[in-house]
C-alpha atoms as a PDB file:
ATOM      1  CA  MET A   1       0.000   0.000   0.000  1.00  0.00           C
ATOM      2  CA  SER A   2       2.958   2.332   0.575  1.00  0.00           C
ATOM      3  CA  ASN A   3       3.589   2.363  -3.189  1.00  0.00           C
ATOM      4  CA  TYR A   4       0.383   4.344  -3.759  1.00  0.00           C
ATOM      5  CA  GLU A   5       0.893   8.108  -3.584  1.00  0.00           C
ATOM      6  CA  LEU A   6      -1.939  10.645  -3.202  1.00  0.00           C
ATOM      7  CA  ILE A   7      -1.738  13.677  -5.494  1.00  0.00           C
ATOM      8  CA  LYS A   8      -4.024  16.611  -6.299  1.00  0.00           C
ATOM      9  CA  ILE A   9      -5.019  16.849  -9.920  1.00  0.00           C
ATOM     10  CA  GLY A  10      -4.285  20.092 -11.728  1.00  0.00           C
ATOM     11  CA  SER A  11      -4.772  21.027 -15.370  1.00  0.00           C
ATOM     12  CA  GLU A  12      -1.675  19.123 -16.501  1.00  0.00           C
ATOM     13  CA  LYS A  13      -3.041  15.789 -15.204  1.00  0.00           C
ATOM     14  CA  LYS A  14      -6.745  16.281 -15.879  1.00  0.00           C
ATOM     15  CA  ASN A  15      -6.805  14.294 -19.117  1.00  0.00           C
ATOM     16  CA  ASP A  16      -5.105  11.347 -17.385  1.00  0.00           C
ATOM     17  CA  PHE A  17      -7.653  11.605 -14.581  1.00  0.00           C
ATOM     18  CA  ILE A  18     -10.518  11.481 -17.101  1.00  0.00           C
ATOM     19  CA  LEU A  19      -9.020   8.423 -18.818  1.00  0.00           C
ATOM     20  CA  SER A  20      -8.822   6.678 -15.431  1.00  0.00           C
ATOM     21  CA  TRP A  21     -12.432   7.659 -14.693  1.00  0.00           C
ATOM     22  CA  GLU A  22     -13.517   6.157 -18.028  1.00  0.00           C
ATOM     23  CA  ALA A  23     -11.627   2.934 -17.313  1.00  0.00           C
ATOM     24  CA  ALA A  24     -13.189   2.606 -13.864  1.00  0.00           C
ATOM     25  CA  PHE A  25     -16.781   3.364 -14.923  1.00  0.00           C
ATOM     26  CA  LYS A  26     -16.523   1.742 -18.373  1.00  0.00           C
ATOM     27  CA  ARG A  27     -18.200   4.710 -20.027  1.00  0.00           C
ATOM     28  CA  GLU A  28     -17.267   7.805 -21.986  1.00  0.00           C
ATOM     29  CA  LEU A  29     -18.942  11.200 -21.745  1.00  0.00           C
ATOM     30  CA  SER A  30     -18.613  14.271 -23.908  1.00  0.00           C
ATOM     31  CA  ARG A  31     -15.760  16.707 -23.412  1.00  0.00           C
ATOM     32  CA  GLU A  32     -18.351  19.342 -22.468  1.00  0.00           C
ATOM     33  CA  ILE A  33     -19.511  17.287 -19.500  1.00  0.00           C
ATOM     34  CA  TYR A  34     -15.961  16.578 -18.345  1.00  0.00           C
ATOM     35  CA  GLU A  35     -15.166  20.300 -18.431  1.00  0.00           C
ATOM     36  CA  TRP A  36     -18.360  21.001 -16.492  1.00  0.00           C
ATOM     37  CA  ILE A  37     -17.898  18.545 -13.626  1.00  0.00           C
ATOM     38  CA  PHE A  38     -14.087  18.360 -13.475  1.00  0.00           C
ATOM     39  CA  ASN A  39     -13.711  22.127 -13.507  1.00  0.00           C
ATOM     40  CA  GLU A  40     -11.241  24.090 -11.387  1.00  0.00           C
ATOM     41  CA  GLU A  41     -13.699  24.276  -8.482  1.00  0.00           C
ATOM     42  CA  ASN A  42     -13.905  20.508  -8.056  1.00  0.00           C
ATOM     43  CA  ILE A  43     -10.997  19.363  -5.860  1.00  0.00           C
ATOM     44  CA  LYS A  44      -9.678  16.245  -7.589  1.00  0.00           C
ATOM     45  CA  TYR A  45      -7.423  13.643  -5.964  1.00  0.00           C
ATOM     46  CA  SER A  46      -5.801  10.544  -7.374  1.00  0.00           C
ATOM     47  CA  LEU A  47      -3.683   7.641  -6.184  1.00  0.00           C
ATOM     48  CA  VAL A  48      -0.623   7.079  -8.357  1.00  0.00           C
ATOM     49  CA  TYR A  49       1.013   3.673  -8.769  1.00  0.00           C
ATOM     50  CA  ASN A  50       4.147   3.376 -10.939  1.00  0.00           C
ATOM     51  CA  GLY A  51       3.211   6.629 -12.671  1.00  0.00           C
ATOM     52  CA  GLU A  52      -0.371   5.513 -13.395  1.00  0.00           C
ATOM     53  CA  LEU A  53      -3.509   7.128 -11.940  1.00  0.00           C
ATOM     54  CA  VAL A  54      -5.389   4.187 -10.453  1.00  0.00           C
ATOM     55  CA  ALA A  55      -8.045   5.758  -8.209  1.00  0.00           C
ATOM     56  CA  GLY A  56      -9.920   9.052  -7.952  1.00  0.00           C
ATOM     57  CA  TYR A  57     -11.802  11.110  -5.388  1.00  0.00           C
ATOM     58  CA  CYS A  58     -13.470  14.504  -5.767  1.00  0.00           C
ATOM     59  CA  LEU A  59     -14.786  17.073  -3.309  1.00  0.00           C
ATOM     60  CA  TYR A  60     -16.822  19.952  -4.730  1.00  0.00           C
ATOM     61  CA  PRO A  61     -17.067  23.024  -2.429  1.00  0.00           C
ATOM     62  CA  LEU A  62     -20.541  24.549  -2.178  1.00  0.00           C
ATOM     63  CA  PRO A  63     -21.857  27.469  -0.083  1.00  0.00           C
ATOM     64  CA  CYS A  64     -24.079  26.286   2.733  1.00  0.00           C
ATOM     65  CA  ILE A  65     -25.718  27.004   6.059  1.00  0.00           C
ATOM     66  CA  TRP A  66     -24.154  24.781   8.681  1.00  0.00           C
ATOM     67  CA  LYS A  67     -25.588  24.885  12.201  1.00  0.00           C
ATOM     68  CA  GLY A  68     -27.185  28.273  11.526  1.00  0.00           C
ATOM     69  CA  SER A  69     -24.100  29.975  10.063  1.00  0.00           C
ATOM     70  CA  ARG A  70     -22.795  30.474   6.540  1.00  0.00           C
ATOM     71  CA  SER A  71     -20.056  27.998   5.673  1.00  0.00           C
ATOM     72  CA  ILE A  72     -18.749  25.670   2.963  1.00  0.00           C
ATOM     73  CA  ALA A  73     -19.807  22.075   2.375  1.00  0.00           C
ATOM     74  CA  LEU A  74     -17.844  19.570   0.288  1.00  0.00           C
ATOM     75  CA  LEU A  75     -19.882  17.336  -2.006  1.00  0.00           C
ATOM     76  CA  CYS A  76     -18.171  13.956  -2.339  1.00  0.00           C
ATOM     77  CA  ASN A  77     -18.375  12.916  -6.005  1.00  0.00           C
ATOM     78  CA  ASN A  78     -16.818  10.621  -8.609  1.00  0.00           C
ATOM     79  CA  VAL A  79     -15.005   8.177  -6.325  1.00  0.00           C
ATOM     80  CA  PHE A  80     -13.470   5.301  -8.278  1.00  0.00           C
ATOM     81  CA  VAL A  81     -10.822   2.583  -8.367  1.00  0.00           C
ATOM     82  CA  CYS A  82      -9.549   1.317 -11.718  1.00  0.00           C
ATOM     83  CA  PRO A  83      -9.755  -2.326 -12.801  1.00  0.00           C
ATOM     84  CA  GLY A  84      -6.647  -4.256 -11.791  1.00  0.00           C
ATOM     85  CA  HIS A  85      -6.405  -2.343  -8.518  1.00  0.00           C
ATOM     86  CA  GLN A  86      -9.769  -3.201  -7.030  1.00  0.00           C
ATOM     87  CA  GLY A  87      -9.954  -5.439  -3.963  1.00  0.00           C
ATOM     88  CA  LYS A  88      -6.928  -3.715  -2.409  1.00  0.00           C
ATOM     89  CA  GLN A  89      -8.852  -1.376  -0.084  1.00  0.00           C
ATOM     90  CA  LEU A  90      -7.888   1.586  -2.280  1.00  0.00           C
ATOM     91  CA  PHE A  91     -11.404   3.036  -1.986  1.00  0.00           C
ATOM     92  CA  VAL A  92     -10.872   3.402   1.764  1.00  0.00           C
ATOM     93  CA  LYS A  93      -7.273   4.564   1.348  1.00  0.00           C
ATOM     94  CA  ILE A  94      -7.986   7.391  -1.096  1.00  0.00           C
ATOM     95  CA  SER A  95     -11.090   8.424   0.866  1.00  0.00           C
ATOM     96  CA  LYS A  96      -9.198   8.773   4.132  1.00  0.00           C
ATOM     97  CA  GLU A  97      -6.203  10.517   2.587  1.00  0.00           C
ATOM     98  CA  ALA A  98      -8.313  12.952   0.572  1.00  0.00           C
ATOM     99  CA  LEU A  99     -10.482  13.825   3.577  1.00  0.00           C
ATOM    100  CA  ASN A 100      -7.390  14.263   5.744  1.00  0.00           C
ATOM    101  CA  ASP A 101      -5.972  16.680   3.172  1.00  0.00           C
ATOM    102  CA  ALA A 102      -9.282  18.575   3.109  1.00  0.00           C
ATOM    103  CA  SER A 103      -9.266  18.681   6.911  1.00  0.00           C
ATOM    104  CA  ARG A 104      -5.831  20.328   6.853  1.00  0.00           C
ATOM    105  CA  ASN A 105      -6.349  22.685   3.938  1.00  0.00           C
ATOM    106  CA  SER A 106     -10.059  23.479   3.513  1.00  0.00           C
ATOM    107  CA  VAL A 107     -12.261  26.055   5.230  1.00  0.00           C
ATOM    108  CA  ALA A 108     -15.219  23.678   4.845  1.00  0.00           C
ATOM    109  CA  LYS A 109     -16.991  22.461   7.960  1.00  0.00           C
ATOM    110  CA  VAL A 110     -18.897  19.464   6.614  1.00  0.00           C
ATOM    111  CA  ALA A 111     -18.858  17.038   3.699  1.00  0.00           C
ATOM    112  CA  TYR A 112     -21.771  15.055   2.338  1.00  0.00           C
ATOM    113  CA  GLY A 113     -22.490  12.571  -0.415  1.00  0.00           C
ATOM    114  CA  ILE A 114     -25.137  10.459  -2.103  1.00  0.00           C
ATOM    115  CA  PRO A 115     -23.336   7.129  -2.710  1.00  0.00           C
ATOM    116  CA  ASN A 116     -24.843   4.168  -4.500  1.00  0.00           C
ATOM    117  CA  SER A 117     -25.372   0.891  -2.645  1.00  0.00           C
ATOM    118  CA  LEU A 118     -22.058  -0.583  -3.870  1.00  0.00           C
ATOM    119  CA  ALA A 119     -20.051   2.363  -2.539  1.00  0.00           C
ATOM    120  CA  LEU A 120     -21.863   2.670   0.803  1.00  0.00           C
ATOM    121  CA  PRO A 121     -19.895  -0.047   2.692  1.00  0.00           C
ATOM    122  CA  GLY A 122     -16.604   1.631   1.767  1.00  0.00           C
ATOM    123  CA  HIS A 123     -17.838   5.002   3.028  1.00  0.00           C
ATOM    124  CA  LYS A 124     -18.900   3.364   6.298  1.00  0.00           C
ATOM    125  CA  LYS A 125     -15.357   2.044   6.791  1.00  0.00           C
ATOM    126  CA  VAL A 126     -14.003   5.560   6.323  1.00  0.00           C
ATOM    127  CA  GLY A 127     -16.227   6.882   9.131  1.00  0.00           C
ATOM    128  CA  TRP A 128     -19.021   8.748   7.369  1.00  0.00           C
ATOM    129  CA  GLY A 129     -22.312   9.099   9.227  1.00  0.00           C
ATOM    130  CA  VAL A 130     -25.005   7.194   7.346  1.00  0.00           C
ATOM    131  CA  GLN A 131     -28.365   8.965   7.506  1.00  0.00           C
ATOM    132  CA  TYR A 132     -31.781   7.450   6.996  1.00  0.00           C
ATOM    133  CA  PRO A 133     -32.256   6.769   3.274  1.00  0.00           C
ATOM    134  CA  VAL A 134     -33.721   9.718   1.395  1.00  0.00           C
ATOM    135  CA  LYS A 135     -37.024   8.601  -0.074  1.00  0.00           C
ATOM    136  CA  PHE A 136     -38.821  10.147  -3.020  1.00  0.00           C
ATOM    137  CA  ILE A 137     -42.262  11.668  -2.804  1.00  0.00           C
ATOM    138  CA  GLU A 138     -44.354  11.708  -5.949  1.00  0.00           C
ATOM    139  CA  LYS A 139     -47.668  12.529  -7.522  1.00  0.00           C
ATOM    140  CA  LYS A 140     -49.324  11.176 -10.642  1.00  0.00           C
ATOM    141  CA  ALA A 141     -49.965  13.805 -13.259  1.00  0.00           C
ATOM    142  CA  ILE A 142     -53.620  14.602 -13.818  1.00  0.00           C
ATOM    143  CA  SER A 143     -54.828  16.214 -17.006  1.00  0.00           C
ATOM    144  CA  ARG A 144     -55.757  19.769 -16.007  1.00  0.00           C
ATOM    145  CA  GLU A 145     -56.696  22.857 -17.925  1.00  0.00           C
ATOM    146  CA  GLY A 146     -54.928  26.053 -17.014  1.00  0.00           C
ATOM    147  CA  SER A 147     -51.456  27.547 -16.833  1.00  0.00           C
ATOM    148  CA  PRO A 148     -48.936  28.571 -14.161  1.00  0.00           C
ATOM    149  CA  VAL A 149     -49.840  31.698 -12.197  1.00  0.00           C
ATOM    150  CA  ASN A 150     -46.227  32.609 -11.439  1.00  0.00           C
ATOM    151  CA  GLU A 151     -43.321  33.651 -13.623  1.00  0.00           C
ATOM    152  CA  TRP A 152     -41.444  30.754 -15.274  1.00  0.00           C
ATOM    153  CA  HIS A 153     -38.359  30.699 -17.517  1.00  0.00           C
ATOM    154  CA  TYR A 154     -36.800  27.847 -19.497  1.00  0.00           C
ATOM    155  CA  GLY A 155     -33.090  27.192 -19.919  1.00  0.00           C
ATOM    156  CA  THR A 156     -31.512  30.435 -18.701  1.00  0.00           C
ATOM    157  CA  ILE A 157     -32.471  33.417 -16.579  1.00  0.00           C
ATOM    158  CA  SER A 158     -31.466  37.061 -16.536  1.00  0.00           C
ATOM    159  CA  ASP A 159     -28.875  38.532 -14.182  1.00  0.00           C
ATOM    160  CA  ASP A 160     -31.616  40.258 -12.182  1.00  0.00           C
ATOM    161  CA  VAL A 161     -33.655  37.071 -11.777  1.00  0.00           C
ATOM    162  CA  ARG A 162     -30.562  35.059 -10.864  1.00  0.00           C
ATOM    163  CA  ARG A 163     -29.663  37.655  -8.229  1.00  0.00           C
ATOM    164  CA  ALA A 164     -33.191  37.492  -6.778  1.00  0.00           C
ATOM    165  CA  PHE A 165     -33.108  33.677  -6.829  1.00  0.00           C
ATOM    166  CA  ALA A 166     -29.833  33.711  -4.874  1.00  0.00           C
ATOM    167  CA  ALA A 167     -31.105  36.241  -2.322  1.00  0.00           C
ATOM    168  CA  CYS A 168     -34.217  34.135  -1.735  1.00  0.00           C
ATOM    169  CA  SER A 169     -32.122  30.989  -1.256  1.00  0.00           C
ATOM    170  CA  GLU A 170     -29.878  32.642   1.321  1.00  0.00           C
ATOM    171  CA  MET A 171     -32.819  34.110   3.224  1.00  0.00           C
ATOM    172  CA  SER A 172     -34.711  30.804   3.153  1.00  0.00           C
ATOM    173  CA  SER A 173     -31.719  28.858   4.517  1.00  0.00           C
ATOM    174  CA  LYS A 174     -31.247  30.934   7.662  1.00  0.00           C
ATOM    175  CA  ASN A 175     -31.215  29.097  11.008  1.00  0.00           C
ATOM    176  CA  ARG A 176     -31.169  25.618   9.480  1.00  0.00           C
ATOM    177  CA  ILE A 177     -28.757  22.891  10.569  1.00  0.00           C
ATOM    178  CA  PHE A 178     -27.765  22.160   6.968  1.00  0.00           C
ATOM    179  CA  SER A 179     -28.825  23.667   3.667  1.00  0.00           C
ATOM    180  CA  ILE A 180     -26.931  24.326   0.422  1.00  0.00           C
ATOM    181  CA  ILE A 181     -27.192  28.000  -0.563  1.00  0.00           C
ATOM    182  CA  LYS A 182     -27.894  28.600  -4.230  1.00  0.00           C
ATOM    183  CA  ASP A 183     -25.778  31.679  -4.864  1.00  0.00           C
ATOM    184  CA  GLU A 184     -25.385  33.186  -8.344  1.00  0.00           C
ATOM    185  CA  LYS A 185     -22.251  31.156  -9.081  1.00  0.00           C
ATOM    186  CA  PHE A 186     -24.011  27.915  -8.126  1.00  0.00           C
ATOM    187  CA  ILE A 187     -27.082  28.730 -10.220  1.00  0.00           C
ATOM    188  CA  LYS A 188     -25.026  29.515 -13.299  1.00  0.00           C
ATOM    189  CA  TRP A 189     -22.878  26.402 -12.978  1.00  0.00           C
ATOM    190  CA  ARG A 190     -25.331  23.825 -11.705  1.00  0.00           C
ATOM    191  CA  TYR A 191     -28.522  24.776 -13.553  1.00  0.00           C
ATOM    192  CA  GLU A 192     -27.752  27.055 -16.480  1.00  0.00           C
ATOM    193  CA  SER A 193     -24.453  25.629 -17.723  1.00  0.00           C
ATOM    194  CA  LYS A 194     -24.937  21.878 -17.327  1.00  0.00           C
ATOM    195  CA  PRO A 195     -24.429  20.413 -20.824  1.00  0.00           C
ATOM    196  CA  GLY A 196     -27.407  18.800 -22.513  1.00  0.00           C
ATOM    197  CA  VAL A 197     -29.976  19.785 -19.865  1.00  0.00           C
ATOM    198  CA  ASN A 198     -32.501  22.613 -19.734  1.00  0.00           C
ATOM    199  CA  TYR A 199     -34.329  23.456 -16.528  1.00  0.00           C
ATOM    200  CA  TRP A 200     -37.568  25.256 -15.750  1.00  0.00           C
ATOM    201  CA  PHE A 201     -37.175  28.160 -13.291  1.00  0.00           C
ATOM    202  CA  GLY A 202     -40.266  29.374 -11.435  1.00  0.00           C
ATOM    203  CA  PHE A 203     -40.559  32.377  -9.107  1.00  0.00           C
ATOM    204  CA  SER A 204     -43.254  33.620  -6.785  1.00  0.00           C
ATOM    205  CA  LYS A 205     -43.148  37.221  -5.594  1.00  0.00           C
ATOM    206  CA  LYS A 206     -44.480  39.199  -2.651  1.00  0.00           C
ATOM    207  CA  LYS A 207     -44.208  42.979  -2.442  1.00  0.00           C
ATOM    208  CA  GLY A 208     -42.015  42.970  -5.541  1.00  0.00           C
ATOM    209  CA  HIS A 209     -39.435  40.513  -4.159  1.00  0.00           C
ATOM    210  CA  VAL A 210     -38.911  36.818  -4.941  1.00  0.00           C
ATOM    211  CA  SER A 211     -40.353  34.940  -1.979  1.00  0.00           C
ATOM    212  CA  ALA A 212     -40.022  31.407  -3.405  1.00  0.00           C
ATOM    213  CA  TYR A 213     -38.351  29.664  -6.327  1.00  0.00           C
ATOM    214  CA  CYS A 214     -38.580  26.278  -8.014  1.00  0.00           C
ATOM    215  CA  VAL A 215     -36.341  24.412 -10.486  1.00  0.00           C
ATOM    216  CA  CYS A 216     -37.701  21.468 -12.504  1.00  0.00           C
ATOM    217  CA  LYS A 217     -36.274  19.073 -15.077  1.00  0.00           C
ATOM    218  CA  PHE A 218     -38.224  16.869 -17.457  1.00  0.00           C
ATOM    219  CA  TYR A 219     -36.807  13.346 -17.725  1.00  0.00           C
ATOM    220  CA  ARG A 220     -38.151  12.269 -21.090  1.00  0.00           C
ATOM    221  CA  GLU A 221     -37.138   8.587 -20.905  1.00  0.00           C
ATOM    222  CA  LYS A 222     -39.406   7.909 -17.926  1.00  0.00           C
ATOM    223  CA  LYS A 223     -41.858  10.767 -18.531  1.00  0.00           C
ATOM    224  CA  VAL A 224     -41.106  12.149 -15.064  1.00  0.00           C
ATOM    225  CA  LEU A 225     -40.864  15.787 -14.039  1.00  0.00           C
ATOM    226  CA  HIS A 226     -38.237  16.137 -11.310  1.00  0.00           C
ATOM    227  CA  VAL A 227     -38.555  18.965  -8.814  1.00  0.00           C
ATOM    228  CA  VAL A 228     -34.814  19.512  -8.594  1.00  0.00           C
ATOM    229  CA  ASP A 229     -34.936  22.434  -6.172  1.00  0.00           C
ATOM    230  CA  ILE A 230     -37.597  24.400  -4.314  1.00  0.00           C
ATOM    231  CA  ASP A 231     -37.352  26.840  -1.427  1.00  0.00           C
ATOM    232  CA  GLY A 232     -38.852  30.037  -0.132  1.00  0.00           C
ATOM    233  CA  THR A 233     -39.373  32.368   2.771  1.00  0.00           C
ATOM    234  CA  ASP A 234     -43.156  32.253   2.584  1.00  0.00           C
ATOM    235  CA  GLU A 235     -45.321  29.109   2.783  1.00  0.00           C
ATOM    236  CA  ASP A 236     -48.076  30.477   0.526  1.00  0.00           C
ATOM    237  CA  SER A 237     -45.507  31.345  -2.143  1.00  0.00           C
ATOM    238  CA  VAL A 238     -43.987  27.862  -2.051  1.00  0.00           C
ATOM    239  CA  ARG A 239     -47.463  26.303  -2.253  1.00  0.00           C
ATOM    240  CA  SER A 240     -48.277  28.477  -5.253  1.00  0.00           C
ATOM    241  CA  LEU A 241     -45.232  27.127  -7.092  1.00  0.00           C
ATOM    242  CA  ILE A 242     -46.111  23.538  -6.119  1.00  0.00           C
ATOM    243  CA  ASN A 243     -49.499  24.032  -7.763  1.00  0.00           C
ATOM    244  CA  ASP A 244     -47.855  25.579 -10.839  1.00  0.00           C
ATOM    245  CA  ILE A 245     -45.686  22.514 -11.473  1.00  0.00           C
ATOM    246  CA  GLU A 246     -48.616  20.479 -12.811  1.00  0.00           C
ATOM    247  CA  PHE A 247     -49.185  23.064 -15.562  1.00  0.00           C
ATOM    248  CA  LEU A 248     -45.654  23.067 -17.005  1.00  0.00           C
ATOM    249  CA  PRO A 249     -45.782  22.311 -20.747  1.00  0.00           C
ATOM    250  CA  GLU A 250     -44.021  18.919 -20.692  1.00  0.00           C
ATOM    251  CA  ASP A 251     -45.433  15.444 -21.394  1.00  0.00           C
ATOM    252  CA  PHE A 252     -44.930  13.897 -17.935  1.00  0.00           C
ATOM    253  CA  ASP A 253     -46.865  11.137 -16.155  1.00  0.00           C
ATOM    254  CA  ARG A 254     -45.381  11.718 -12.691  1.00  0.00           C
ATOM    255  CA  ILE A 255     -43.833  14.477 -10.623  1.00  0.00           C
ATOM    256  CA  ASN A 256     -41.260  13.566  -7.988  1.00  0.00           C
ATOM    257  CA  LEU A 257     -38.633  14.980  -5.631  1.00  0.00           C
ATOM    258  CA  TRP A 258     -36.596  14.008  -2.589  1.00  0.00           C
ATOM    259  CA  SER A 259     -38.534  13.823   0.674  1.00  0.00           C
ATOM    260  CA  SER A 260     -35.583  15.584   2.343  1.00  0.00           C
ATOM    261  CA  THR A 261     -36.959  18.926   1.160  1.00  0.00           C
ATOM    262  CA  ILE A 262     -37.746  21.205   4.093  1.00  0.00           C
ATOM    263  CA  HIS A 263     -41.148  21.700   2.455  1.00  0.00           C
ATOM    264  CA  LYS A 264     -42.115  18.018   2.461  1.00  0.00           C
ATOM    265  CA  MET A 265     -45.370  18.522   4.380  1.00  0.00           C
ATOM    266  CA  LEU A 266     -46.538  21.155   1.884  1.00  0.00           C
ATOM    267  CA  PHE A 267     -46.144  18.617  -0.910  1.00  0.00           C
ATOM    268  CA  ILE A 268     -47.914  15.952   1.143  1.00  0.00           C
ATOM    269  CA  SER A 269     -50.812  18.349   1.716  1.00  0.00           C
ATOM    270  CA  GLU A 270     -51.025  18.839  -2.060  1.00  0.00           C
ATOM    271  CA  GLY A 271     -51.456  15.118  -2.768  1.00  0.00           C
ATOM    272  CA  TYR A 272     -47.882  13.828  -2.925  1.00  0.00           C
ATOM    273  CA  SER A 273     -47.054  10.488  -1.288  1.00  0.00           C
ATOM    274  CA  VAL A 274     -43.904   8.531  -0.417  1.00  0.00           C
ATOM    275  CA  SER A 275     -42.703   6.193  -3.176  1.00  0.00           C
ATOM    276  CA  SER A 276     -40.503   3.085  -3.042  1.00  0.00           C
ATOM    277  CA  GLU A 277     -37.486   4.876  -4.554  1.00  0.00           C
ATOM    278  CA  ASN A 278     -34.724   6.093  -2.252  1.00  0.00           C
ATOM    279  CA  ASP A 279     -31.089   7.233  -2.174  1.00  0.00           C
ATOM    280  CA  ASN A 280     -28.325   6.980   0.419  1.00  0.00           C
ATOM    281  CA  PHE A 281     -27.116  10.068   2.282  1.00  0.00           C
ATOM    282  CA  ILE A 282     -23.849  10.371   4.221  1.00  0.00           C
ATOM    283  CA  ALA A 283     -22.097  13.206   6.056  1.00  0.00           C
ATOM    284  CA  ILE A 284     -18.896  13.835   7.993  1.00  0.00           C
ATOM    285  CA  HIS A 285     -17.269  16.690   9.938  1.00  0.00           C
ATOM    286  CA  ILE A 286     -14.268  18.071   8.063  1.00  0.00           C
ATOM    287  CA  ASP A 287     -12.386  19.485  11.043  1.00  0.00           C
ATOM    288  CA  ASP A 288     -11.999  16.177  12.915  1.00  0.00           C
ATOM    289  CA  LEU A 289     -13.553  13.624  10.495  1.00  0.00           C
ATOM    290  CA  ARG A 290     -16.227  12.503  12.938  1.00  0.00           C
ATOM    291  CA  PRO A 291     -19.500  11.190  11.517  1.00  0.00           C
ATOM    292  CA  VAL A 292     -22.430  13.595  11.217  1.00  0.00           C
ATOM    293  CA  PHE A 293     -25.956  12.437  12.027  1.00  0.00           C
ATOM    294  CA  PHE A 294     -28.749  14.841  11.108  1.00  0.00           C
ATOM    295  CA  GLU A 295     -31.989  14.926  13.070  1.00  0.00           C
ATOM    296  CA  SER A 296     -33.934  17.973  11.870  1.00  0.00           C
ATOM    297  CA  CYS A 297     -33.812  21.351  10.099  1.00  0.00           C
ATOM    298  CA  VAL A 298     -32.082  19.892   7.041  1.00  0.00           C
ATOM    299  CA  ASN A 299     -32.928  20.838   3.475  1.00  0.00           C
ATOM    300  CA  LEU A 300     -31.543  18.539   0.779  1.00  0.00           C
ATOM    301  CA  CYS A 301     -32.706  18.566  -2.839  1.00  0.00           C
ATOM    302  CA  LEU A 302     -31.802  16.744  -6.046  1.00  0.00           C
ATOM    303  CA  GLY A 303     -29.916  19.813  -7.244  1.00  0.00           C
ATOM    304  CA  ASP A 304     -27.511  19.398  -4.310  1.00  0.00           C
ATOM    305  CA  ASN A 305     -26.184  16.223  -5.969  1.00  0.00           C
ATOM    306  CA  ASP A 306     -26.792  14.941  -9.531  1.00  0.00           C
ATOM    307  CA  VAL A 307     -23.193  15.453 -10.658  1.00  0.00           C
ATOM    308  CA  TYR A 308     -22.122  12.288 -12.513  1.00  0.00           C
END
């Protein structure tokens, strides 16, 4: 194991990192997507063996509210071990070494991830706190006549709208234990610049200010409309956007979202119910690498993950 060296990936090694990612996942994506997810913001680590990159680990810093204060959270993403080096506990090794480096060098307070079932045992060995699985809530689409009552945009938004979106997100997140803040940089990167995807942006206003926002994506293959993100400072405004969703001009049979939204009970009151689908959710303190276990006041949405 001592022959494996941890390095941070800069621009000169990024192509090698991508080739290792492709070998591990047995898939190839477009260059646009690689530039989007493996950008300069994403902190990329690799284990090197005899000059070859054989494992990878990424931590993407995102603005957040952590225990009522503004902070940084690290989203664990794209963890892999290449064929030929699997079964050597390299998943645990790179995880521990990358998190130790982040603990020494990052201002982040917490890290979180949404691992698949195959990766979950390895994360447990590293010391992550495993939360209750995040279930989906959903509603069957009913043919209805009408149109949204709030303002909606498709694909991109103006600077003014983006600024209002970000202000609403920050205000909505106050006093929570954990909530990712959608600042202007996040919105541009995560929702407006993601290759091959267009999102619906909805806004409800009170007294001339955005009091709630919603982001939706139509998944054509399964005819599902995903509520990727929704938040607001006013319950009536959030409810108004929930009602709008059913009138979006897409050919969907179902609407769904993670039950970890802070507004879960509003959706339940509007006819949504818990489905059989769920995802794993893990978290860890960055300062001392102790597990985190959330109990309440957490807001987690699909937009806080969904990064290949």
